[in-house]
């Protein structure tokens, strides 16, 4: 069964860093664009970053240039490296891809930025 699994979230102090992982099974991520989204309590889910199948990247203004999205095809995994984290980055982070018109989402990983 095709699925995405996020990991790497946690509690970090302001100014800290985390690296999130989006690992796929049953889906070849190298052939697809992969996006990261986040949802903070009481807010709508918002787009954070995308890495296209060819490797091009795009970022929301709120995270550029603090975040970096990249893929490791040999691991069938996409990473989101987050630096200079701020309390407003607190959210559940999700990865997403689409294969033949079907969207796949992971279960999310919680990132909490607090002192």
Protein backbone atom coordinates (compact mmCIF):
# COMPACT_ATOMS: atom_id res chain seq x y z
CA UNK A 1 0.00 0.00 0.00
CA UNK A 2 1.37 3.38 -0.99
CA UNK A 3 2.01 5.72 1.88
CA UNK A 4 4.08 8.64 3.15
CA UNK A 5 5.49 8.77 6.66
CA UNK A 6 6.84 11.97 8.22
CA UNK A 7 9.27 12.03 11.12
CA UNK A 8 11.77 14.29 12.80
CA UNK A 9 9.50 16.69 14.60
CA UNK A 10 9.93 17.69 18.21
CA UNK A 11 10.41 20.51 20.67
CA UNK A 12 13.11 23.05 19.86
CA UNK A 13 14.08 26.42 21.25
CA UNK A 14 13.76 29.58 19.15
CA UNK A 15 16.72 29.84 16.82
CA UNK A 16 17.14 26.09 16.70
CA UNK A 17 17.02 23.64 13.81
CA UNK A 18 15.21 20.46 12.89
CA UNK A 19 15.23 18.16 9.91
CA UNK A 20 11.97 16.54 8.91
CA UNK A 21 11.80 13.40 6.79
CA UNK A 22 9.14 12.22 4.39
CA UNK A 23 9.72 8.56 3.57
CA UNK A 24 7.66 6.81 0.93
CA UNK A 25 6.67 3.22 0.37
CA UNK A 26 4.86 2.10 -2.74
CA UNK A 27 5.58 5.46 -4.35
CA UNK A 28 8.73 6.45 -6.23
CA UNK A 29 9.26 9.98 -4.97
CA UNK A 30 11.96 10.71 -7.54
CA UNK A 31 9.30 10.69 -10.25
CA UNK A 32 7.01 13.16 -8.51
CA UNK A 33 6.97 16.58 -7.00
CA UNK A 34 6.72 16.58 -3.22
CA UNK A 35 5.36 19.40 -1.11
CA UNK A 36 5.49 20.22 2.58
CA UNK A 37 2.55 21.85 4.31
CA UNK A 38 1.91 22.83 7.89
CA UNK A 39 -1.11 23.46 10.05
CA UNK A 40 -1.01 25.46 13.24
CA UNK A 41 -3.79 25.18 15.85
CA UNK A 42 -6.86 27.09 14.74
CA UNK A 43 -5.42 27.88 11.33
CA UNK A 44 -5.80 26.47 7.85
CA UNK A 45 -3.18 24.20 6.38
CA UNK A 46 -0.62 26.26 4.47
CA UNK A 47 1.92 25.39 1.86
CA UNK A 48 5.57 25.59 2.97
CA UNK A 49 7.83 24.28 0.20
CA UNK A 50 7.98 22.09 -2.88
CA UNK A 51 10.67 20.11 -4.61
CA UNK A 52 9.82 19.21 -8.19
CA UNK A 53 10.70 15.91 -9.82
CA UNK A 54 13.58 17.65 -11.57
CA UNK A 55 14.86 19.12 -8.32
CA UNK A 56 13.64 22.71 -8.62
CA UNK A 57 12.47 24.14 -5.30
CA UNK A 58 10.01 26.79 -4.20
CA UNK A 59 9.31 28.22 -0.77
CA UNK A 60 6.68 30.25 0.99
CA UNK A 61 7.92 33.74 1.80
CA UNK A 62 7.52 33.02 5.51
CA UNK A 63 10.17 30.29 5.47
CA UNK A 64 12.56 31.48 2.76
CA UNK A 65 15.56 31.29 3.19
CA UNK A 66 15.39 29.54 6.55
CA UNK A 67 14.07 26.23 5.20
CA UNK A 68 15.61 23.95 2.59
CA UNK A 69 13.80 21.08 0.87
CA UNK A 70 15.70 18.35 -0.91
CA UNK A 71 15.36 14.74 -1.97
CA UNK A 72 17.62 11.74 -1.56
CA UNK A 73 16.44 9.42 -4.29
CA UNK A 74 18.43 6.44 -3.07
CA UNK A 75 16.46 6.64 0.19
CA UNK A 76 13.16 7.44 -1.51
CA UNK A 77 12.91 10.26 1.00
CA UNK A 78 12.39 14.02 0.90
CA UNK A 79 13.78 16.16 3.69
CA UNK A 80 12.88 19.58 5.03
CA UNK A 81 15.81 21.20 6.79
CA UNK A 82 14.52 23.97 9.04
CA UNK A 83 16.81 26.55 10.61
CA UNK A 84 16.33 29.71 12.69
CA UNK A 85 13.04 28.32 13.92
CA UNK A 86 10.61 30.72 15.51
CA UNK A 87 7.48 30.20 17.64
CA UNK A 88 5.32 31.00 14.60
CA UNK A 89 6.76 27.88 12.92
CA UNK A 90 4.96 25.73 15.48
CA UNK A 91 2.60 23.42 13.60
CA UNK A 92 1.99 19.90 12.42
CA UNK A 93 4.02 19.39 9.25
CA UNK A 94 2.77 17.18 6.44
CA UNK A 95 4.28 15.98 3.19
CA UNK A 96 2.22 15.48 0.08
CA UNK A 97 2.58 14.06 -3.38
CA UNK A 98 0.27 13.11 -6.22
CA UNK A 99 0.48 10.04 -8.39
CA UNK A 100 -1.81 9.67 -11.41
CA UNK A 101 -4.16 12.26 -10.02
CA UNK A 102 -4.38 10.77 -6.54
CA UNK A 103 -3.07 12.80 -3.61
CA UNK A 104 -1.14 11.16 -0.81
CA UNK A 105 -0.58 12.69 2.62
CA UNK A 106 1.40 11.52 5.57
CA UNK A 107 0.10 11.51 9.13
CA UNK A 108 2.08 14.60 10.07
CA UNK A 109 4.83 15.35 12.56
CA UNK A 110 4.55 17.95 15.31
CA UNK A 111 7.06 20.78 15.48
CA UNK A 112 6.95 22.97 18.58
CA UNK A 113 9.20 26.00 18.91
CA UNK A 114 9.25 27.28 22.46
CA UNK A 115 11.63 28.39 25.15
